[in-house]
Amino acid sequence: MFRDCKSGGYNIEGTGLRGERLIKIILLMAIAYLEASAQGTEIQKKHVQKYVSRGKESRKKYRRRSTFGIGHDGEQWVNYLERHFLEIQELMKLTRNKRRFYRQGLRAATLMGYIS
């Protein structure tokens, strides 16, 4: 959570806020963090996090992305697919050999769409 709140997501130090305004932004950030973490947990339960971020590497001790990061990136990924659906459809017509992967991604986006 510490990395996510500082440089990995919200960059709270960069705001320069003090006093009551800082408390308000921390409260808002805590609510958003809770929501993104809950979404990340649901994405992990459905085993579709590989579409959102890279997993733990074999030689590394820790995962590359936190549960918060997976939830945050998952929502952005689903929104991107919704926004550019027609362009993606046109590209899929050109590359027939990638359709299987595209269908897998759409299934994952559908599963994540219910939670984001």
C-alpha atoms as a PDB file:
ATOM      1  CA  MET A   1       0.000   0.000   0.000  1.00  0.00           C
ATOM      2  CA  PHE A   2       2.857   2.363   0.797  1.00  0.00           C
ATOM      3  CA  ARG A   3       4.311   2.163  -2.735  1.00  0.00           C
ATOM      4  CA  ASP A   4       0.881   2.492  -4.327  1.00  0.00           C
ATOM      5  CA  CYS A   5       0.082   5.630  -2.355  1.00  0.00           C
ATOM      6  CA  LYS A   6       3.398   7.334  -3.011  1.00  0.00           C
ATOM      7  CA  SER A   7       4.807   6.672  -6.471  1.00  0.00           C
ATOM      8  CA  GLY A   8       3.013   3.589  -7.769  1.00  0.00           C
ATOM      9  CA  GLY A   9      -0.424   5.083  -8.253  1.00  0.00           C
ATOM     10  CA  TYR A  10      -1.623   8.174  -6.419  1.00  0.00           C
ATOM     11  CA  ASN A  11       1.618  10.195  -5.947  1.00  0.00           C
ATOM     12  CA  ILE A  12       0.355  11.812  -2.754  1.00  0.00           C
ATOM     13  CA  GLU A  13       3.655  13.605  -2.108  1.00  0.00           C
ATOM     14  CA  GLY A  14       3.358  15.414  -5.429  1.00  0.00           C
ATOM     15  CA  THR A  15       0.131  17.145  -4.401  1.00  0.00           C
ATOM     16  CA  GLY A  16       1.814  19.513  -1.931  1.00  0.00           C
ATOM     17  CA  LEU A  17      -1.324  19.584   0.218  1.00  0.00           C
ATOM     18  CA  ARG A  18      -1.296  20.297   3.956  1.00  0.00           C
ATOM     19  CA  GLY A  19      -3.753  20.232   6.845  1.00  0.00           C
ATOM     20  CA  GLU A  20      -7.445  19.603   6.248  1.00  0.00           C
ATOM     21  CA  ARG A  21      -7.116  19.365   2.468  1.00  0.00           C
ATOM     22  CA  LEU A  22      -4.502  16.614   2.888  1.00  0.00           C
ATOM     23  CA  ILE A  23      -6.828  14.697   5.207  1.00  0.00           C
ATOM     24  CA  LYS A  24      -9.665  14.952   2.682  1.00  0.00           C
ATOM     25  CA  ILE A  25      -7.515  13.719  -0.196  1.00  0.00           C
ATOM     26  CA  ILE A  26      -6.225  10.817   1.939  1.00  0.00           C
ATOM     27  CA  LEU A  27      -9.803   9.832   2.778  1.00  0.00           C
ATOM     28  CA  LEU A  28     -10.798   9.958  -0.884  1.00  0.00           C
ATOM     29  CA  MET A  29      -7.679   8.023  -1.822  1.00  0.00           C
ATOM     30  CA  ALA A  30      -8.454   5.346   0.788  1.00  0.00           C
ATOM     31  CA  ILE A  31     -11.932   4.836  -0.687  1.00  0.00           C
ATOM     32  CA  ALA A  32     -10.534   4.588  -4.223  1.00  0.00           C
ATOM     33  CA  TYR A  33      -7.777   2.258  -3.020  1.00  0.00           C
ATOM     34  CA  LEU A  34     -10.324  -0.002  -1.360  1.00  0.00           C
ATOM     35  CA  GLU A  35     -12.422  -0.158  -4.545  1.00  0.00           C
ATOM     36  CA  ALA A  36      -9.437  -0.897  -6.813  1.00  0.00           C
ATOM     37  CA  SER A  37      -8.141  -3.544  -4.393  1.00  0.00           C
ATOM     38  CA  ALA A  38     -11.567  -5.217  -4.274  1.00  0.00           C
ATOM     39  CA  GLN A  39     -11.679  -5.267  -8.077  1.00  0.00           C
ATOM     40  CA  GLY A  40      -8.142  -6.674  -8.189  1.00  0.00           C
ATOM     41  CA  THR A  41      -9.144  -9.436  -5.796  1.00  0.00           C
ATOM     42  CA  GLU A  42     -12.149 -10.325  -7.965  1.00  0.00           C
ATOM     43  CA  ILE A  43      -9.976 -10.351 -11.097  1.00  0.00           C
ATOM     44  CA  GLN A  44      -7.539 -12.704  -9.394  1.00  0.00           C
ATOM     45  CA  LYS A  45     -10.376 -14.997  -8.264  1.00  0.00           C
ATOM     46  CA  LYS A  46     -11.567 -15.264 -11.873  1.00  0.00           C
ATOM     47  CA  HIS A  47      -7.993 -16.048 -13.016  1.00  0.00           C
ATOM     48  CA  VAL A  48      -7.925 -13.369 -15.722  1.00  0.00           C
ATOM     49  CA  GLN A  49      -5.159 -11.189 -14.254  1.00  0.00           C
ATOM     50  CA  LYS A  50      -2.747 -12.359 -16.981  1.00  0.00           C
ATOM     51  CA  TYR A  51      -4.673 -10.144 -19.420  1.00  0.00           C
ATOM     52  CA  VAL A  52      -4.183  -7.109 -17.208  1.00  0.00           C
ATOM     53  CA  SER A  53      -0.584  -7.403 -15.985  1.00  0.00           C
ATOM     54  CA  ARG A  54       2.397  -9.690 -15.999  1.00  0.00           C
ATOM     55  CA  GLY A  55       2.550 -12.218 -13.201  1.00  0.00           C
ATOM     56  CA  LYS A  56       5.347 -13.058 -10.813  1.00  0.00           C
ATOM     57  CA  GLU A  57       8.579 -13.884 -12.575  1.00  0.00           C
ATOM     58  CA  SER A  58      10.307 -17.121 -11.625  1.00  0.00           C
ATOM     59  CA  ARG A  59      13.499 -15.450 -10.371  1.00  0.00           C
ATOM     60  CA  LYS A  60      11.748 -12.619  -8.527  1.00  0.00           C
ATOM     61  CA  LYS A  61      10.635 -12.805  -4.924  1.00  0.00           C
ATOM     62  CA  TYR A  62       7.608 -10.510  -5.257  1.00  0.00           C
ATOM     63  CA  ARG A  63       4.818 -10.039  -7.769  1.00  0.00           C
ATOM     64  CA  ARG A  64       5.218  -7.328 -10.368  1.00  0.00           C
ATOM     65  CA  ARG A  65       1.821  -5.708  -9.622  1.00  0.00           C
ATOM     66  CA  SER A  66      -0.140  -5.401  -6.403  1.00  0.00           C
ATOM     67  CA  THR A  67      -3.794  -6.301  -6.060  1.00  0.00           C
ATOM     68  CA  PHE A  68      -4.532  -2.568  -6.259  1.00  0.00           C
ATOM     69  CA  GLY A  69      -2.545  -2.277  -9.500  1.00  0.00           C
ATOM     70  CA  ILE A  70      -4.346  -5.225 -11.061  1.00  0.00           C
ATOM     71  CA  GLY A  71      -7.742  -3.738 -10.170  1.00  0.00           C
ATOM     72  CA  HIS A  72      -6.788  -0.290 -11.435  1.00  0.00           C
ATOM     73  CA  ASP A  73      -5.279  -1.587 -14.685  1.00  0.00           C
ATOM     74  CA  GLY A  74      -8.175  -4.008 -15.212  1.00  0.00           C
ATOM     75  CA  GLU A  75     -10.694  -1.198 -15.189  1.00  0.00           C
ATOM     76  CA  GLN A  76      -8.587   0.804 -17.648  1.00  0.00           C
ATOM     77  CA  TRP A  77      -8.212  -2.246 -19.914  1.00  0.00           C
ATOM     78  CA  VAL A  78     -11.964  -2.919 -20.052  1.00  0.00           C
ATOM     79  CA  ASN A  79     -12.676   0.773 -20.717  1.00  0.00           C
ATOM     80  CA  TYR A  80     -10.125   0.781 -23.543  1.00  0.00           C
ATOM     81  CA  LEU A  81     -11.718  -2.263 -25.158  1.00  0.00           C
ATOM     82  CA  GLU A  82     -15.162  -0.675 -24.959  1.00  0.00           C
ATOM     83  CA  ARG A  83     -13.938   2.620 -26.410  1.00  0.00           C
ATOM     84  CA  HIS A  84     -12.070   1.051 -29.359  1.00  0.00           C
ATOM     85  CA  PHE A  85     -14.312  -1.925 -30.069  1.00  0.00           C
ATOM     86  CA  LEU A  86     -14.919  -1.101 -33.748  1.00  0.00           C
ATOM     87  CA  GLU A  87     -11.227  -0.581 -34.514  1.00  0.00           C
ATOM     88  CA  ILE A  88     -10.369  -3.857 -32.816  1.00  0.00           C
ATOM     89  CA  GLN A  89     -13.028  -5.657 -34.857  1.00  0.00           C
ATOM     90  CA  GLU A  90     -11.493  -4.301 -38.088  1.00  0.00           C
ATOM     91  CA  LEU A  91      -8.022  -5.434 -37.031  1.00  0.00           C
ATOM     92  CA  MET A  92      -9.322  -8.906 -36.249  1.00  0.00           C
ATOM     93  CA  LYS A  93     -10.678  -9.209 -39.781  1.00  0.00           C
ATOM     94  CA  LEU A  94      -7.148  -8.648 -41.068  1.00  0.00           C
ATOM     95  CA  THR A  95      -5.422 -11.179 -38.789  1.00  0.00           C
ATOM     96  CA  ARG A  96      -7.448 -14.359 -38.697  1.00  0.00           C
ATOM     97  CA  ASN A  97      -4.706 -16.364 -36.971  1.00  0.00           C
ATOM     98  CA  LYS A  98      -5.077 -14.210 -33.818  1.00  0.00           C
ATOM     99  CA  ARG A  99      -8.832 -14.716 -33.390  1.00  0.00           C
ATOM    100  CA  ARG A 100      -8.452 -17.375 -30.715  1.00  0.00           C
ATOM    101  CA  PHE A 101      -6.424 -15.010 -28.523  1.00  0.00           C
ATOM    102  CA  TYR A 102      -8.874 -12.205 -29.241  1.00  0.00           C
ATOM    103  CA  ARG A 103     -11.805 -14.366 -28.102  1.00  0.00           C
ATOM    104  CA  GLN A 104      -9.931 -15.269 -24.912  1.00  0.00           C
ATOM    105  CA  GLY A 105      -9.320 -11.584 -24.249  1.00  0.00           C
ATOM    106  CA  LEU A 106     -12.970 -10.741 -24.891  1.00  0.00           C
ATOM    107  CA  ARG A 107     -14.063 -13.452 -22.490  1.00  0.00           C
ATOM    108  CA  ALA A 108     -11.717 -12.058 -19.836  1.00  0.00           C
ATOM    109  CA  ALA A 109     -13.019  -8.522 -20.495  1.00  0.00           C
ATOM    110  CA  THR A 110     -16.581  -9.772 -20.162  1.00  0.00           C
ATOM    111  CA  LEU A 111     -15.763 -11.395 -16.828  1.00  0.00           C
ATOM    112  CA  MET A 112     -14.044  -8.212 -15.646  1.00  0.00           C
ATOM    113  CA  GLY A 113     -16.789  -5.996 -17.041  1.00  0.00           C
ATOM    114  CA  TYR A 114     -19.138  -7.323 -14.401  1.00  0.00           C
ATOM    115  CA  ILE A 115     -16.905  -6.047 -11.622  1.00  0.00           C
ATOM    116  CA  SER A 116     -15.567  -2.768 -13.051  1.00  0.00           C
END
